[in-house]
Amino acid sequence: MIRTAIRTAIRMTTRRSLLGLVPLLVLSQGCAFDRMAADTMAPVLLRTKDNFNRETVPRFAREAGPGLLVTLDGMVLASPRNVELRLLQAEMNAAFAFGFLEREDPVWATSLYRKARGAAAAALAEEDEDLALAVERGDAARLRALLAEADEDALPALFWWAFARGAEVNLNRGDTSQVAALATVDLVMNWVLGRDERFYNGGPHLYFALRHLALPPSFGGKPQEGLKHFEAVERITGGKLLMARVLRAQYHAPTLAATPAGTSVAQVLEAQKAAWAAYHDPLAAVLAAPDDLWPEQALPNAVAKVRALELLRDPEGHNVITPPGVTNAYKQEPAADGGWGDDDGAWGDSAGPVQDR
């Protein structure tokens, strides 16, 4: 009887153990299934991104973008080590923040830049864990040594890390602790520039163009260097990247208006005229560019037109004075609804001159 009881107890214990394993097995299989589904969806999401960039109405993209980013986040949660998904997460978050949020909601934009930076670091860690750690820690000596040995597979992750971190710094450049990070960003983006200057439509050049024109000399800005990088973007894209023209007008024109103390009135007026020409003429040309200039980049170009119109409507707000005797056909008072109504055309499907009221 004792032996029978022992055998019965063993069988019951074994059965309970096996039954206890069932939920774990189901959970494990479920996680594996989710990961497989996310990995399978990666090519679909890449095509979705390409189609998104063909959108011609900025407002549609502005309102649809958050849903797309949330969907992408869910896919990354299911397969966090998928490099394609991580790079897509970095690109989409950084591009959405840059295109739509920097002026509207800087806090949200900063949050998305940090998410993009984290995604890029995660993708980089899959290629080179030591390099990913050095980038995040900002150890210059260690980073230089590892970059010297890095291969081309690390380039996309390094670019998006530097793009997101640099954009975050530029957005928060009043914070000196943020500006201090530029040394690491410059180091990484210089490496990318040296290996593929054409990556992401001349993206490394565009970074340095803004780096040197948006920041003052006290923070390492070099206006003439910035102009050379803008010219490189024009060369690489054939002049089809309208945002580069908008950014050049926004940041270069005010430097032409600056005059030292003691400058004569005539010289001040000449400087104002030079700044106005560098500001108004390129922005007006952006608005006049055909909508099908670059179908694969229709959305970035449409956003550039919206931004060009905003700049033309308020030159004084961007440190450019309309010269005496010049009529600004685009001048308009700010919309009462903050730029989201249909009346002012912000994020709408058209952009054009608005006559003085």
Protein backbone atom coordinates (compact mmCIF):
# COMPACT_ATOMS: atom_id res chain seq x y z
CA MET A 1 0.00 0.00 0.00
CA ILE A 2 2.84 2.36 0.84
CA ARG A 3 4.49 1.73 -2.54
CA THR A 4 1.17 2.31 -4.35
CA ALA A 5 0.67 5.59 -2.49
CA ILE A 6 4.18 6.72 -3.37
CA ARG A 7 3.67 5.91 -7.07
CA THR A 8 0.35 7.75 -7.05
CA ALA A 9 1.94 10.79 -5.41
CA ILE A 10 4.74 10.81 -7.98
CA ARG A 11 2.27 10.61 -10.85
CA MET A 12 0.19 13.45 -9.42
CA THR A 13 3.26 15.63 -8.82
CA THR A 14 4.54 14.98 -12.34
CA ARG A 15 1.13 15.79 -13.82
CA ARG A 16 0.95 19.04 -11.86
CA SER A 17 4.47 19.97 -13.03
CA LEU A 18 3.59 19.31 -16.63
CA LEU A 19 0.34 21.25 -16.32
CA GLY A 20 2.33 24.13 -14.81
CA LEU A 21 4.59 24.15 -17.84
CA VAL A 22 1.68 24.51 -20.27
CA PRO A 23 1.14 28.27 -19.70
CA LEU A 24 4.88 28.85 -20.02
CA LEU A 25 4.99 26.91 -23.27
CA VAL A 26 1.96 28.76 -24.62
CA LEU A 27 3.48 32.12 -23.59
CA SER A 28 6.79 31.20 -25.19
CA GLN A 29 5.12 30.12 -28.40
CA GLY A 30 3.00 33.29 -28.35
CA CYS A 31 6.08 35.51 -28.01
CA ALA A 32 7.79 33.61 -30.81
CA PHE A 33 4.69 34.01 -32.98
CA ASP A 34 4.51 37.75 -32.26
CA ARG A 35 8.19 38.13 -33.09
CA MET A 36 7.77 36.19 -36.33
CA ALA A 37 4.74 38.30 -37.27
CA ALA A 38 6.64 41.53 -36.56
CA ASP A 39 9.66 40.34 -38.55
CA THR A 40 7.36 39.46 -41.45
CA MET A 41 5.77 42.91 -41.29
CA ALA A 42 9.09 44.76 -41.51
CA PRO A 43 9.19 44.83 -45.35
CA VAL A 44 5.55 45.95 -45.40
CA LEU A 45 6.30 48.83 -43.03
CA LEU A 46 9.26 49.86 -45.18
CA ARG A 47 6.96 50.07 -48.19
CA THR A 48 4.44 51.97 -46.07
CA LYS A 49 7.13 54.51 -45.20
CA ASP A 50 8.05 54.93 -48.86
CA ASN A 51 4.39 55.43 -49.76
CA PHE A 52 4.01 57.88 -46.85
CA ASN A 53 6.81 59.99 -48.31
CA ARG A 54 4.83 60.20 -51.57
CA GLU A 55 1.92 61.90 -49.79
CA THR A 56 1.22 65.35 -51.20
CA VAL A 57 -0.97 66.81 -48.42
CA PRO A 58 1.03 67.66 -45.28
CA ARG A 59 -2.04 67.83 -43.05
CA PHE A 60 -2.96 64.25 -43.88
CA ALA A 61 0.56 63.11 -42.98
CA ARG A 62 0.55 65.22 -39.79
CA GLU A 63 -2.64 63.59 -38.57
CA ALA A 64 -1.83 60.07 -39.76
CA GLY A 65 1.76 60.06 -38.51
CA PRO A 66 1.18 59.42 -34.77
CA GLY A 67 -0.88 56.30 -35.52
CA LEU A 68 1.85 54.98 -37.77
CA LEU A 69 4.48 55.61 -35.08
CA VAL A 70 2.40 53.79 -32.45
CA THR A 71 1.98 50.81 -34.78
CA LEU A 72 5.71 50.75 -35.38
CA ASP A 73 6.37 50.88 -31.63
CA GLY A 74 4.19 47.79 -31.18
CA MET A 75 6.16 45.91 -33.82
CA VAL A 76 9.42 46.85 -32.11
CA LEU A 77 8.11 45.60 -28.76
CA ALA A 78 7.35 42.25 -30.39
CA SER A 79 10.78 42.02 -32.04
CA PRO A 80 13.17 44.44 -30.27
CA ARG A 81 16.31 43.00 -31.88
CA ASN A 82 15.11 43.41 -35.46
CA VAL A 83 17.58 45.90 -36.96
CA GLU A 84 15.28 46.86 -39.85
CA LEU A 85 12.47 47.76 -37.45
CA ARG A 86 14.80 49.66 -35.14
CA LEU A 87 16.25 51.72 -38.00
CA LEU A 88 12.75 52.41 -39.29
CA GLN A 89 11.71 53.49 -35.80
CA ALA A 90 14.68 55.87 -35.65
CA GLU A 91 14.00 57.35 -39.07
CA MET A 92 10.24 57.78 -38.71
CA ASN A 93 10.36 59.34 -35.25
CA ALA A 94 13.17 61.73 -36.17
CA ALA A 95 11.62 62.72 -39.50
CA PHE A 96 8.17 63.32 -37.96
CA ALA A 97 9.62 65.46 -35.18
CA PHE A 98 11.71 67.49 -37.65
CA GLY A 99 8.95 67.96 -40.19
CA PHE A 100 5.98 68.68 -37.93
CA LEU A 101 6.72 69.19 -34.26
CA GLU A 102 9.75 71.39 -33.62
CA ARG A 103 7.80 74.65 -33.63
CA GLU A 104 4.39 73.24 -32.72
CA ASP A 105 5.45 71.18 -29.69
CA PRO A 106 9.18 71.23 -28.81
CA VAL A 107 8.66 68.94 -25.80
CA TRP A 108 7.05 66.26 -27.94
CA ALA A 109 9.69 66.74 -30.62
CA THR A 110 12.46 66.28 -28.04
CA SER A 111 10.77 63.10 -26.81
CA LEU A 112 10.64 61.66 -30.33
CA TYR A 113 14.26 62.59 -30.99
CA ARG A 114 15.24 60.68 -27.85
CA LYS A 115 13.18 57.69 -28.94
CA ALA A 116 14.85 57.81 -32.36
CA ARG A 117 18.25 58.03 -30.73
CA GLY A 118 17.48 55.02 -28.53
CA ALA A 119 16.25 53.01 -31.50
CA ALA A 120 19.39 53.83 -33.47
CA ALA A 121 21.58 52.83 -30.52
CA ALA A 122 19.69 49.52 -30.23
CA ALA A 123 20.21 48.84 -33.94
CA LEU A 124 23.89 49.73 -33.60
CA ALA A 125 24.27 47.37 -30.64
CA GLU A 126 23.16 44.48 -32.85
CA GLU A 127 26.05 45.29 -35.19
CA ASP A 128 28.69 46.41 -32.66
CA GLU A 129 27.83 46.51 -28.97
CA ASP A 130 31.07 48.20 -27.94
CA LEU A 131 30.56 50.98 -30.47
CA ALA A 132 26.98 51.52 -29.30
CA LEU A 133 28.16 51.91 -25.71
CA ALA A 134 30.93 54.34 -26.70
CA VAL A 135 28.50 56.49 -28.70
CA GLU A 136 26.04 56.77 -25.84
CA ARG A 137 28.74 57.45 -23.24
CA GLY A 138 30.50 60.08 -25.37
CA ASP A 139 33.96 58.68 -24.69
CA ALA A 140 35.83 60.49 -27.49
CA ALA A 141 39.07 58.52 -27.39
CA ARG A 142 37.31 55.16 -27.22
CA LEU A 143 34.84 56.25 -29.89
CA ARG A 144 37.58 57.31 -32.33
CA ALA A 145 39.34 53.97 -31.93
CA LEU A 146 36.14 51.97 -32.51
CA LEU A 147 35.04 54.11 -35.47
CA ALA A 148 38.40 53.46 -37.11
CA GLU A 149 37.54 49.76 -37.11
CA ALA A 150 33.79 50.05 -37.82
CA ASP A 151 32.41 48.66 -41.08
CA GLU A 152 29.70 49.91 -43.41
CA ASP A 153 26.97 47.87 -41.69
CA ALA A 154 27.07 50.33 -38.80
CA LEU A 155 26.55 53.38 -41.01
CA PRO A 156 22.71 53.67 -41.00
CA ALA A 157 22.48 53.34 -37.23
CA LEU A 158 25.31 55.82 -36.68
CA PHE A 159 23.68 58.33 -39.04
CA TRP A 160 20.28 58.17 -37.35
CA TRP A 161 21.82 58.36 -33.90
CA ALA A 162 23.74 61.50 -34.89
CA PHE A 163 20.76 63.01 -36.76
CA ALA A 164 18.44 62.55 -33.77
CA ARG A 165 20.98 63.69 -31.18
CA GLY A 166 22.03 66.68 -33.27
CA ALA A 167 18.41 67.73 -33.84
CA GLU A 168 17.72 67.42 -30.12
CA VAL A 169 20.69 69.66 -29.36
CA ASN A 170 19.65 72.24 -31.97
CA LEU A 171 16.12 72.31 -30.59
CA ASN A 172 17.43 72.85 -27.04
CA ARG A 173 20.54 74.90 -27.80
CA GLY A 174 19.82 77.24 -24.91
CA ASP A 175 20.87 74.37 -22.64
CA THR A 176 24.67 74.36 -22.43
CA SER A 177 24.72 70.72 -21.32
CA GLN A 178 22.99 69.82 -24.58
CA VAL A 179 25.43 71.82 -26.71
CA ALA A 180 28.33 70.01 -25.05
CA ALA A 181 27.14 66.80 -26.72
CA LEU A 182 27.91 68.21 -30.17
CA ALA A 183 31.52 67.03 -29.99
CA THR A 184 30.34 63.41 -30.01
CA VAL A 185 27.71 64.06 -32.67
CA ASP A 186 30.26 65.78 -34.91
CA LEU A 187 32.65 62.87 -34.53
CA VAL A 188 30.02 60.32 -35.52
CA MET A 189 28.59 62.33 -38.41
CA ASN A 190 32.07 63.06 -39.76
CA TRP A 191 32.62 59.31 -39.94
CA VAL A 192 29.35 58.89 -41.86
CA LEU A 193 30.21 61.79 -44.17
CA GLY A 194 33.60 60.28 -44.98
CA ARG A 195 32.06 56.96 -46.02
CA ASP A 196 28.84 57.95 -47.77
CA GLU A 197 28.13 61.63 -48.31
CA ARG A 198 25.00 60.72 -50.29
CA PHE A 199 23.29 58.79 -47.49
CA TYR A 200 19.68 59.90 -46.94
CA ASN A 201 19.80 62.50 -49.73
CA GLY A 202 22.99 64.13 -48.53
CA GLY A 203 21.92 63.92 -44.89
CA PRO A 204 25.45 64.19 -43.44
CA HIS A 205 26.00 67.43 -45.37
CA LEU A 206 22.64 68.80 -44.26
CA TYR A 207 23.57 68.13 -40.64
CA PHE A 208 26.80 70.10 -40.95
CA ALA A 209 25.08 72.87 -42.91
CA LEU A 210 22.72 73.43 -39.99
CA ARG A 211 25.46 72.78 -37.46
CA HIS A 212 27.49 75.71 -38.78
CA LEU A 213 24.73 78.14 -39.71
CA ALA A 214 22.15 77.61 -36.94
CA LEU A 215 24.69 77.84 -34.13
CA PRO A 216 26.78 80.97 -33.39
CA PRO A 217 30.60 80.96 -33.64
CA SER A 218 30.78 80.73 -29.83
CA PHE A 219 29.30 77.22 -30.17
CA GLY A 220 31.51 76.27 -33.11
CA GLY A 221 29.36 77.65 -35.91
CA LYS A 222 31.13 78.48 -39.18
CA PRO A 223 28.76 80.16 -41.68
CA GLN A 224 30.98 79.68 -44.73
CA GLU A 225 31.42 75.99 -43.92
CA GLY A 226 27.66 75.71 -43.59
CA LEU A 227 27.15 77.18 -47.06
CA LYS A 228 29.58 74.67 -48.58
CA HIS A 229 27.56 71.82 -47.09
CA PHE A 230 24.31 73.29 -48.43
CA GLU A 231 25.92 73.43 -51.86
CA ALA A 232 26.88 69.77 -51.50
CA VAL A 233 23.24 68.86 -50.75
CA GLU A 234 22.18 70.77 -53.88
CA ARG A 235 24.74 68.81 -55.90
CA ILE A 236 23.73 65.43 -54.53
CA THR A 237 19.98 65.95 -54.89
CA GLY A 238 20.05 67.96 -58.10
CA GLY A 239 18.36 70.82 -56.25
CA LYS A 240 15.22 68.74 -55.70
CA LEU A 241 15.31 68.73 -51.89
CA LEU A 242 13.28 71.87 -51.21
CA MET A 243 13.75 71.74 -47.43
CA ALA A 244 17.47 72.35 -47.90
CA ARG A 245 16.68 75.59 -49.74
CA VAL A 246 14.24 76.64 -47.01
CA LEU A 247 16.74 75.98 -44.24
CA ARG A 248 19.48 77.82 -46.10
CA ALA A 249 17.29 80.90 -46.49
CA GLN A 250 16.16 80.74 -42.86
CA TYR A 251 19.61 80.52 -41.33
CA HIS A 252 21.91 82.20 -43.87
CA ALA A 253 19.96 85.38 -44.62
CA PRO A 254 20.09 86.81 -41.07
CA THR A 255 23.89 86.55 -41.07
CA LEU A 256 23.99 88.90 -44.08
CA ALA A 257 21.96 91.54 -42.25
CA ALA A 258 24.39 91.74 -39.32
CA THR A 259 26.53 94.87 -39.36
CA PRO A 260 29.16 96.08 -36.87
CA ALA A 261 28.76 99.20 -34.76
CA GLY A 262 29.54 102.37 -36.66
CA THR A 263 28.24 101.11 -40.01
CA SER A 264 26.74 103.87 -42.12
CA VAL A 265 23.01 104.00 -42.83
CA ALA A 266 23.67 103.30 -46.50
CA GLN A 267 25.65 100.18 -45.64
CA VAL A 268 22.95 98.99 -43.25
CA LEU A 269 20.36 99.37 -45.99
CA GLU A 270 22.56 97.43 -48.42
CA ALA A 271 22.94 94.65 -45.85
CA GLN A 272 19.16 94.56 -45.38
CA LYS A 273 18.66 94.26 -49.14
CA ALA A 274 21.21 91.44 -49.40
CA ALA A 275 19.56 89.57 -46.54
CA TRP A 276 16.11 90.09 -48.08
CA ALA A 277 17.24 88.72 -51.44
CA ALA A 278 18.84 85.66 -49.78
CA TYR A 279 15.63 85.12 -47.82
CA HIS A 280 12.75 86.03 -50.10
CA ASP A 281 13.94 84.83 -53.48
CA PRO A 282 14.80 81.19 -52.58
CA LEU A 283 11.61 80.83 -50.50
CA ALA A 284 9.46 82.22 -53.32
CA ALA A 285 11.20 79.78 -55.71
CA VAL A 286 10.32 76.91 -53.37
CA LEU A 287 6.65 77.88 -53.50
CA ALA A 288 6.84 78.05 -57.31
CA ALA A 289 8.47 74.61 -57.64
CA PRO A 290 6.28 71.96 -59.32
CA ASP A 291 4.49 69.56 -56.99
CA ASP A 292 5.87 66.60 -58.92
CA LEU A 293 9.48 67.80 -58.69
CA TRP A 294 10.46 64.66 -56.74
CA PRO A 295 7.57 62.18 -56.42
CA GLU A 296 9.50 59.88 -54.07
CA GLN A 297 9.97 62.84 -51.68
CA ALA A 298 6.64 64.59 -52.27
CA LEU A 299 5.82 64.87 -48.56
CA PRO A 300 9.12 66.45 -47.44
CA ASN A 301 8.85 68.89 -50.34
CA ALA A 302 5.22 69.71 -49.49
CA VAL A 303 6.23 70.35 -45.87
CA ALA A 304 9.04 72.57 -47.17
CA LYS A 305 6.48 74.66 -49.06
CA VAL A 306 4.39 75.10 -45.92
CA ARG A 307 7.47 76.21 -44.00
CA ALA A 308 8.56 78.55 -46.81
CA LEU A 309 5.17 80.26 -46.74
CA GLU A 310 5.33 80.65 -42.96
CA LEU A 311 8.77 82.25 -43.23
CA LEU A 312 7.69 84.62 -45.99
CA ARG A 313 4.67 85.72 -43.97
CA ASP A 314 6.85 86.72 -41.02
CA PRO A 315 10.38 87.72 -42.07
CA GLU A 316 10.85 90.06 -39.11
CA GLY A 317 10.12 87.17 -36.76
CA HIS A 318 13.12 85.40 -38.32
CA ASN A 319 15.53 88.35 -38.10
CA VAL A 320 15.09 89.59 -41.66
CA ILE A 321 13.76 93.12 -42.22
CA THR A 322 11.74 93.98 -45.31
CA PRO A 323 13.73 96.82 -46.94
CA PRO A 324 12.12 100.24 -47.35
CA GLY A 325 10.07 100.48 -50.54
CA VAL A 326 9.69 96.69 -50.85
CA THR A 327 6.21 95.15 -50.63
CA ASN A 328 5.99 91.68 -49.15
CA ALA A 329 3.16 90.03 -51.05
CA TYR A 330 3.13 87.16 -48.56
CA LYS A 331 2.75 89.23 -45.40
CA GLN A 332 -0.09 88.06 -43.17
CA GLU A 333 -1.03 88.38 -39.54
CA PRO A 334 -0.77 85.12 -37.53
CA ALA A 335 -3.94 83.01 -37.55
CA ALA A 336 -6.03 83.23 -34.38
CA ASP A 337 -6.29 79.43 -34.18
CA GLY A 338 -2.51 78.94 -34.08
CA GLY A 339 -2.16 77.74 -37.65
CA TRP A 340 -4.44 74.70 -37.60
CA GLY A 341 -7.52 76.21 -39.21
CA ASP A 342 -8.43 75.90 -42.88
CA ASP A 343 -8.28 79.66 -43.46
CA ASP A 344 -4.52 80.07 -43.38
CA GLY A 345 -3.68 76.90 -45.30
CA ALA A 346 -1.21 75.57 -42.73
CA TRP A 347 -0.60 71.85 -43.37
CA GLY A 348 -3.13 72.17 -46.16
CA ASP A 349 -2.82 71.18 -49.80
CA SER A 350 -1.85 74.55 -51.22
CA ALA A 351 0.54 77.37 -50.49
CA GLY A 352 0.73 80.70 -52.26
CA PRO A 353 1.07 84.45 -51.84
CA VAL A 354 -1.43 86.24 -49.63
CA GLN A 355 -1.91 89.90 -50.38
CA ASP A 356 -1.77 92.56 -47.64
CA ARG A 357 -5.10 93.09 -45.94
